[in-house]
């Protein structure tokens, strides 16, 4: 474990497939997409081909506002997978998007002592991956 091949592999970038390619293309442009169901009207995230609320397949992509509220977080002090080992400590977070869905992410540009549940956040992008930062109140 941990040889040269292991070190070269990144564990923070999922492999895009035909279905998720629009999501990752938008993220590379600095836009956060979610899915919304035409049948029940509810938004969801992570992207799925069906609505997890009513099971309808009438779901489409929608650009999210990028606003969120911090639901919970955890300070990660050890993670041996690249590139995380170079980022520790970091703040793994779960946020509630303004549109309703809850999303796993990372909280950036915020010292751990300043973190509080319910704090307003906005999306930012690091290497085409959505992360969240405090709004500055």
N, C-alpha and C. Protein backbone atom coordinates (compact mmCIF):
# COMPACT_ATOMS: atom_id res chain seq x y z
N UNK A 1 0.84 -1.19 0.00
CA UNK A 1 0.00 0.00 0.00
C UNK A 1 0.88 1.23 0.00
N UNK A 2 0.57 2.18 -0.90
CA UNK A 2 1.28 3.44 -0.88
C UNK A 2 2.42 3.55 -1.86
N UNK A 3 2.62 2.57 -2.76
CA UNK A 3 3.69 2.64 -3.75
C UNK A 3 3.47 3.78 -4.73
N UNK A 4 4.31 3.87 -5.76
CA UNK A 4 4.24 4.99 -6.70
C UNK A 4 2.89 5.06 -7.42
N UNK A 5 2.33 3.92 -7.79
CA UNK A 5 1.04 3.95 -8.48
C UNK A 5 -0.04 4.46 -7.53
N UNK A 6 0.00 4.03 -6.28
CA UNK A 6 -0.98 4.46 -5.28
C UNK A 6 -0.90 5.97 -5.09
N UNK A 7 0.30 6.52 -5.04
CA UNK A 7 0.48 7.95 -4.81
C UNK A 7 -0.01 8.78 -5.99
N UNK A 8 0.04 8.26 -7.21
CA UNK A 8 -0.37 9.00 -8.39
C UNK A 8 -1.89 9.04 -8.54
N UNK A 9 -2.57 8.10 -7.96
CA UNK A 9 -4.02 8.03 -8.09
C UNK A 9 -4.68 9.09 -7.21
N UNK A 10 -5.65 9.82 -7.79
CA UNK A 10 -6.39 10.83 -7.01
C UNK A 10 -7.70 10.23 -6.56
N UNK A 11 -8.07 10.55 -5.33
CA UNK A 11 -9.29 10.00 -4.75
C UNK A 11 -10.36 11.07 -4.53
N UNK A 12 -10.15 12.27 -5.07
CA UNK A 12 -11.12 13.34 -4.90
C UNK A 12 -11.83 13.72 -6.19
N UNK A 13 -11.52 13.05 -7.28
CA UNK A 13 -12.13 13.35 -8.56
C UNK A 13 -12.85 12.12 -9.08
N UNK A 14 -14.19 12.15 -9.08
CA UNK A 14 -14.92 10.99 -9.59
C UNK A 14 -14.78 10.89 -11.11
N UNK A 15 -15.00 9.71 -11.61
CA UNK A 15 -14.96 9.51 -13.05
C UNK A 15 -16.31 9.90 -13.63
N UNK A 16 -16.31 10.84 -14.55
CA UNK A 16 -17.56 11.25 -15.20
C UNK A 16 -17.99 10.16 -16.16
N UNK A 17 -19.28 9.94 -16.23
CA UNK A 17 -19.84 9.03 -17.23
C UNK A 17 -20.80 9.83 -18.09
N UNK A 18 -21.47 9.19 -19.03
CA UNK A 18 -22.36 9.91 -19.94
C UNK A 18 -23.44 10.67 -19.18
N UNK A 19 -23.93 10.12 -18.08
CA UNK A 19 -24.99 10.78 -17.32
C UNK A 19 -24.47 11.97 -16.52
N UNK A 20 -23.33 11.84 -15.85
CA UNK A 20 -22.84 12.91 -14.98
C UNK A 20 -21.96 13.93 -15.71
N UNK A 21 -21.64 13.69 -16.97
CA UNK A 21 -20.78 14.61 -17.71
C UNK A 21 -21.30 16.06 -17.70
N UNK A 22 -22.61 16.32 -17.85
CA UNK A 22 -23.09 17.72 -17.78
C UNK A 22 -22.80 18.36 -16.42
N UNK A 23 -22.91 17.60 -15.36
CA UNK A 23 -22.64 18.11 -14.02
C UNK A 23 -21.18 18.56 -13.91
N UNK A 24 -20.25 17.69 -14.33
CA UNK A 24 -18.83 18.00 -14.20
C UNK A 24 -18.39 19.08 -15.19
N UNK A 25 -19.01 19.14 -16.36
CA UNK A 25 -18.69 20.20 -17.33
C UNK A 25 -19.12 21.55 -16.76
N UNK A 26 -20.29 21.61 -16.15
CA UNK A 26 -20.76 22.86 -15.54
C UNK A 26 -19.85 23.25 -14.38
N UNK A 27 -19.46 22.29 -13.55
CA UNK A 27 -18.57 22.57 -12.42
C UNK A 27 -17.24 23.14 -12.91
N UNK A 28 -16.73 22.62 -14.02
CA UNK A 28 -15.48 23.14 -14.58
C UNK A 28 -15.63 24.59 -15.01
N UNK A 29 -16.87 25.00 -15.31
CA UNK A 29 -17.16 26.40 -15.69
C UNK A 29 -17.56 27.25 -14.48
N UNK A 30 -17.56 26.66 -13.28
CA UNK A 30 -17.94 27.41 -12.09
C UNK A 30 -19.43 27.48 -11.85
N UNK A 31 -20.17 26.48 -12.31
CA UNK A 31 -21.62 26.43 -12.11
C UNK A 31 -21.99 25.13 -11.41
N UNK A 32 -22.89 25.22 -10.42
CA UNK A 32 -23.35 24.04 -9.69
C UNK A 32 -24.71 23.63 -10.22
N UNK A 33 -24.81 22.40 -10.70
CA UNK A 33 -26.08 21.87 -11.19
C UNK A 33 -26.70 20.93 -10.17
N UNK A 34 -28.03 20.96 -10.13
CA UNK A 34 -28.80 19.99 -9.36
C UNK A 34 -29.84 19.41 -10.31
N UNK A 35 -30.59 18.44 -9.84
CA UNK A 35 -31.66 17.85 -10.65
C UNK A 35 -32.99 18.25 -10.01
N UNK A 36 -33.99 18.53 -10.86
CA UNK A 36 -35.33 18.86 -10.37
C UNK A 36 -36.34 17.97 -11.09
N UNK A 37 -37.31 17.51 -10.31
CA UNK A 37 -38.34 16.61 -10.82
C UNK A 37 -39.54 17.43 -11.33
N UNK A 38 -39.95 17.16 -12.55
CA UNK A 38 -41.12 17.84 -13.12
C UNK A 38 -42.41 17.30 -12.51
N UNK A 39 -42.39 16.07 -12.03
CA UNK A 39 -43.61 15.46 -11.48
C UNK A 39 -43.96 16.00 -10.09
N UNK A 40 -42.98 16.05 -9.19
CA UNK A 40 -43.27 16.50 -7.81
C UNK A 40 -42.69 17.87 -7.50
N UNK A 41 -41.81 18.37 -8.36
CA UNK A 41 -41.25 19.70 -8.17
C UNK A 41 -40.05 19.79 -7.26
N UNK A 42 -39.65 18.68 -6.66
CA UNK A 42 -38.54 18.72 -5.69
C UNK A 42 -37.19 18.56 -6.37
N UNK A 43 -36.21 19.26 -5.81
CA UNK A 43 -34.84 19.16 -6.30
C UNK A 43 -34.10 18.09 -5.52
N UNK A 44 -33.05 17.52 -6.13
CA UNK A 44 -32.23 16.55 -5.41
C UNK A 44 -30.77 16.64 -5.86
N UNK A 45 -29.94 16.15 -5.01
CA UNK A 45 -28.50 16.06 -5.27
C UNK A 45 -27.98 14.92 -4.42
N UNK A 46 -27.27 14.05 -4.87
CA UNK A 46 -26.42 13.89 -6.00
C UNK A 46 -27.26 13.57 -7.24
N UNK A 47 -26.73 13.79 -8.43
CA UNK A 47 -27.49 13.56 -9.66
C UNK A 47 -27.90 12.09 -9.82
N UNK A 48 -29.18 11.92 -10.10
CA UNK A 48 -29.73 10.59 -10.39
C UNK A 48 -30.64 10.69 -11.61
N UNK A 49 -30.88 9.59 -12.26
CA UNK A 49 -31.73 9.58 -13.45
C UNK A 49 -33.21 9.51 -13.09
N UNK A 50 -33.54 9.42 -11.81
CA UNK A 50 -34.93 9.37 -11.36
C UNK A 50 -35.03 10.21 -10.09
N UNK A 51 -36.23 10.60 -9.75
CA UNK A 51 -36.46 11.39 -8.54
C UNK A 51 -36.45 10.47 -7.32
N UNK A 52 -35.63 10.74 -6.32
CA UNK A 52 -35.60 9.89 -5.13
C UNK A 52 -36.81 10.12 -4.22
N UNK A 53 -37.63 11.11 -4.53
CA UNK A 53 -38.80 11.41 -3.71
C UNK A 53 -40.05 10.71 -4.23
N UNK A 54 -40.26 10.74 -5.57
CA UNK A 54 -41.49 10.15 -6.13
C UNK A 54 -41.21 9.09 -7.19
N UNK A 55 -39.93 8.85 -7.50
CA UNK A 55 -39.47 7.83 -8.44
C UNK A 55 -39.74 8.17 -9.89
N UNK A 56 -40.20 9.38 -10.19
CA UNK A 56 -40.43 9.79 -11.57
C UNK A 56 -39.11 9.88 -12.32
N UNK A 57 -39.15 9.61 -13.61
CA UNK A 57 -37.98 9.79 -14.45
C UNK A 57 -38.00 11.14 -15.16
N UNK A 58 -38.95 12.00 -14.80
CA UNK A 58 -39.08 13.33 -15.41
C UNK A 58 -38.21 14.34 -14.66
N UNK A 59 -36.90 14.12 -14.69
CA UNK A 59 -35.96 15.00 -13.99
C UNK A 59 -35.06 15.70 -15.00
N UNK A 60 -34.72 16.93 -14.69
CA UNK A 60 -33.88 17.72 -15.58
C UNK A 60 -32.81 18.44 -14.77
N UNK A 61 -31.77 18.89 -15.47
CA UNK A 61 -30.71 19.67 -14.85
C UNK A 61 -31.19 21.09 -14.63
N UNK A 62 -30.71 21.69 -13.54
CA UNK A 62 -31.04 23.07 -13.20
C UNK A 62 -29.82 23.68 -12.52
N UNK A 63 -29.52 24.93 -12.85
CA UNK A 63 -28.41 25.59 -12.18
C UNK A 63 -28.85 26.04 -10.79
N UNK A 64 -28.09 25.66 -9.78
CA UNK A 64 -28.37 26.05 -8.40
C UNK A 64 -27.86 27.47 -8.16
N UNK A 65 -28.42 28.11 -7.15
CA UNK A 65 -28.02 29.49 -6.81
C UNK A 65 -26.60 29.54 -6.25
N UNK A 66 -26.14 28.43 -5.67
CA UNK A 66 -24.83 28.41 -5.03
C UNK A 66 -24.87 28.80 -3.57
N UNK A 67 -26.06 29.15 -3.07
CA UNK A 67 -26.21 29.50 -1.66
C UNK A 67 -26.52 28.25 -0.85
N UNK A 68 -25.99 28.20 0.37
CA UNK A 68 -26.22 27.03 1.22
C UNK A 68 -26.08 27.44 2.68
N UNK A 69 -26.48 26.53 3.56
CA UNK A 69 -26.35 26.70 5.00
C UNK A 69 -25.61 25.48 5.53
N UNK A 70 -24.68 25.69 6.42
CA UNK A 70 -23.92 24.57 6.98
C UNK A 70 -24.81 23.74 7.91
N UNK A 71 -24.92 22.46 7.61
CA UNK A 71 -25.70 21.54 8.44
C UNK A 71 -24.82 20.91 9.52
N UNK A 72 -23.69 20.33 9.09
CA UNK A 72 -22.75 19.72 10.04
C UNK A 72 -21.38 19.64 9.39
N UNK A 73 -20.36 19.36 10.19
CA UNK A 73 -18.99 19.28 9.68
C UNK A 73 -18.15 18.42 10.59
N UNK A 74 -16.99 18.05 10.08
CA UNK A 74 -16.01 17.31 10.86
C UNK A 74 -14.62 17.74 10.41
N UNK A 75 -13.76 18.03 11.35
CA UNK A 75 -12.37 18.35 11.02
C UNK A 75 -11.62 17.04 10.81
N UNK A 76 -11.01 16.91 9.64
CA UNK A 76 -10.26 15.70 9.31
C UNK A 76 -8.78 16.00 9.50
N UNK A 77 -8.17 15.27 10.41
CA UNK A 77 -6.76 15.50 10.72
C UNK A 77 -5.84 14.44 10.13
N UNK A 78 -6.45 13.36 9.61
CA UNK A 78 -5.62 12.32 9.00
C UNK A 78 -6.39 11.67 7.86
N UNK A 79 -5.75 11.66 6.70
CA UNK A 79 -6.29 10.98 5.53
C UNK A 79 -5.10 10.67 4.64
N UNK A 80 -4.79 9.40 4.50
CA UNK A 80 -3.59 9.01 3.77
C UNK A 80 -3.77 8.92 2.26
N UNK A 81 -4.98 9.14 1.76
CA UNK A 81 -5.21 9.05 0.32
C UNK A 81 -4.83 10.37 -0.36
N UNK A 82 -4.14 10.28 -1.51
CA UNK A 82 -3.81 11.51 -2.23
C UNK A 82 -5.08 12.05 -2.91
N UNK A 83 -5.26 13.34 -2.97
CA UNK A 83 -4.39 14.41 -2.50
C UNK A 83 -4.71 14.87 -1.08
N UNK A 84 -5.56 14.13 -0.38
CA UNK A 84 -6.02 14.57 0.94
C UNK A 84 -4.90 14.70 1.96
N UNK A 85 -3.90 13.82 1.88
CA UNK A 85 -2.84 13.88 2.89
C UNK A 85 -2.14 15.23 2.88
N UNK A 86 -2.11 15.91 1.72
CA UNK A 86 -1.48 17.22 1.65
C UNK A 86 -2.41 18.33 2.13
N UNK A 87 -3.69 18.03 2.32
CA UNK A 87 -4.67 19.04 2.71
C UNK A 87 -5.01 19.03 4.20
N UNK A 88 -4.63 18.00 4.93
CA UNK A 88 -5.03 17.93 6.33
C UNK A 88 -4.37 19.05 7.12
N UNK A 89 -5.06 19.60 8.11
CA UNK A 89 -6.45 19.32 8.42
C UNK A 89 -7.37 20.04 7.43
N UNK A 90 -8.53 19.43 7.16
CA UNK A 90 -9.55 20.08 6.32
C UNK A 90 -10.91 19.82 6.95
N UNK A 91 -11.90 20.56 6.49
CA UNK A 91 -13.24 20.46 7.06
C UNK A 91 -14.19 19.78 6.08
N UNK A 92 -14.52 18.53 6.36
CA UNK A 92 -15.55 17.82 5.60
C UNK A 92 -16.89 18.36 6.09
N UNK A 93 -17.81 18.62 5.17
CA UNK A 93 -19.05 19.27 5.56
C UNK A 93 -20.25 18.69 4.84
N UNK A 94 -21.41 18.89 5.44
CA UNK A 94 -22.69 18.62 4.82
C UNK A 94 -23.44 19.95 4.84
N UNK A 95 -23.91 20.38 3.67
CA UNK A 95 -24.61 21.66 3.56
C UNK A 95 -26.01 21.44 3.03
N UNK A 96 -26.90 22.35 3.41
CA UNK A 96 -28.25 22.37 2.86
C UNK A 96 -28.28 23.45 1.78
N UNK A 97 -28.45 23.02 0.53
CA UNK A 97 -28.53 23.97 -0.57
C UNK A 97 -29.81 24.79 -0.45
N UNK A 98 -29.81 26.02 -0.92
CA UNK A 98 -30.98 26.89 -0.86
C UNK A 98 -32.18 26.24 -1.56
N UNK A 99 -31.92 25.41 -2.55
CA UNK A 99 -32.99 24.75 -3.30
C UNK A 99 -33.57 23.54 -2.58
N UNK A 100 -32.96 23.15 -1.45
CA UNK A 100 -33.49 22.05 -0.66
C UNK A 100 -32.60 20.84 -0.45
N UNK A 101 -31.88 20.39 -1.47
CA UNK A 101 -31.07 19.19 -1.27
C UNK A 101 -29.92 19.39 -0.28
N UNK A 102 -29.54 18.31 0.34
CA UNK A 102 -28.38 18.28 1.25
C UNK A 102 -27.21 17.70 0.44
N UNK A 103 -26.02 18.27 0.64
CA UNK A 103 -24.87 17.90 -0.19
C UNK A 103 -23.63 17.73 0.68
N UNK A 104 -22.87 16.67 0.42
CA UNK A 104 -21.56 16.49 1.06
C UNK A 104 -20.54 17.31 0.28
N UNK A 105 -19.61 17.95 1.01
CA UNK A 105 -18.66 18.84 0.37
C UNK A 105 -17.47 19.10 1.30
N UNK A 106 -16.73 20.13 1.00
CA UNK A 106 -15.65 20.58 1.87
C UNK A 106 -15.84 22.07 2.15
N UNK A 107 -15.60 22.47 3.37
CA UNK A 107 -15.67 23.88 3.76
C UNK A 107 -14.26 24.44 3.66
N UNK A 108 -14.09 25.52 2.92
CA UNK A 108 -12.76 26.10 2.69
C UNK A 108 -12.74 27.56 3.13
N UNK A 109 -11.54 28.09 3.29
CA UNK A 109 -11.34 29.50 3.65
C UNK A 109 -12.07 29.89 4.93
N UNK A 110 -12.05 28.97 5.89
CA UNK A 110 -12.73 29.22 7.16
C UNK A 110 -11.98 28.49 8.26
N UNK A 111 -11.45 29.21 9.25
CA UNK A 111 -10.77 28.51 10.35
C UNK A 111 -11.78 27.69 11.15
N UNK A 112 -11.35 26.55 11.63
CA UNK A 112 -12.26 25.65 12.37
C UNK A 112 -12.94 26.36 13.54
N UNK A 113 -12.24 27.24 14.21
CA UNK A 113 -12.82 27.93 15.37
C UNK A 113 -13.99 28.84 14.99
N UNK A 114 -14.09 29.23 13.72
CA UNK A 114 -15.16 30.12 13.26
C UNK A 114 -16.39 29.37 12.74
N UNK A 115 -16.29 28.06 12.62
CA UNK A 115 -17.39 27.27 12.05
C UNK A 115 -18.53 27.15 13.04
N UNK A 116 -19.75 27.34 12.53
CA UNK A 116 -20.93 27.13 13.36
C UNK A 116 -22.07 26.61 12.49
N UNK A 117 -22.86 25.73 13.05
CA UNK A 117 -24.02 25.20 12.33
C UNK A 117 -24.93 26.35 11.95
N UNK A 118 -25.48 26.29 10.76
CA UNK A 118 -26.40 27.31 10.30
C UNK A 118 -25.73 28.49 9.60
N UNK A 119 -24.39 28.50 9.56
CA UNK A 119 -23.71 29.64 8.93
C UNK A 119 -23.99 29.66 7.43
N UNK A 120 -24.18 30.85 6.85
CA UNK A 120 -24.45 30.96 5.43
C UNK A 120 -23.17 30.73 4.62
N UNK A 121 -23.33 30.01 3.52
CA UNK A 121 -22.20 29.65 2.66
C UNK A 121 -22.53 29.95 1.21
N UNK A 122 -21.48 29.97 0.40
CA UNK A 122 -21.66 30.06 -1.05
C UNK A 122 -20.70 29.08 -1.70
N UNK A 123 -21.08 28.62 -2.86
CA UNK A 123 -20.25 27.65 -3.57
C UNK A 123 -19.02 28.35 -4.15
N UNK A 124 -17.93 27.61 -4.17
CA UNK A 124 -16.69 28.01 -4.83
C UNK A 124 -16.23 26.74 -5.56
N UNK A 125 -15.25 26.84 -6.38
CA UNK A 125 -14.80 25.65 -7.11
C UNK A 125 -13.29 25.54 -7.01
N UNK A 126 -12.83 24.33 -6.71
CA UNK A 126 -11.40 24.03 -6.65
C UNK A 126 -11.15 22.91 -7.63
N UNK A 127 -10.40 23.20 -8.66
CA UNK A 127 -10.09 22.20 -9.69
C UNK A 127 -11.36 21.56 -10.25
N UNK A 128 -12.40 22.36 -10.45
CA UNK A 128 -13.64 21.84 -11.03
C UNK A 128 -14.50 21.05 -10.07
N UNK A 129 -14.23 21.15 -8.78
CA UNK A 129 -15.01 20.44 -7.76
C UNK A 129 -15.68 21.47 -6.86
N UNK A 130 -17.00 21.36 -6.65
CA UNK A 130 -17.66 22.33 -5.79
C UNK A 130 -17.26 22.16 -4.32
N UNK A 131 -16.87 23.26 -3.71
CA UNK A 131 -16.58 23.36 -2.28
C UNK A 131 -17.35 24.58 -1.78
N UNK A 132 -17.43 24.78 -0.49
CA UNK A 132 -18.19 25.92 0.02
C UNK A 132 -17.35 26.77 0.96
N UNK A 133 -17.66 28.06 0.97
CA UNK A 133 -16.94 29.04 1.77
C UNK A 133 -17.97 29.95 2.46
N UNK A 134 -17.64 30.52 3.61
CA UNK A 134 -18.56 31.44 4.26
C UNK A 134 -18.89 32.64 3.36
N UNK A 135 -20.08 33.16 3.48
CA UNK A 135 -20.50 34.29 2.63
C UNK A 135 -19.90 35.61 3.08
N UNK A 136 -19.39 35.69 4.28
CA UNK A 136 -18.86 36.95 4.79
C UNK A 136 -19.92 37.70 5.57
N UNK A 137 -21.03 37.03 5.80
CA UNK A 137 -22.16 37.54 6.55
C UNK A 137 -22.69 38.74 5.89
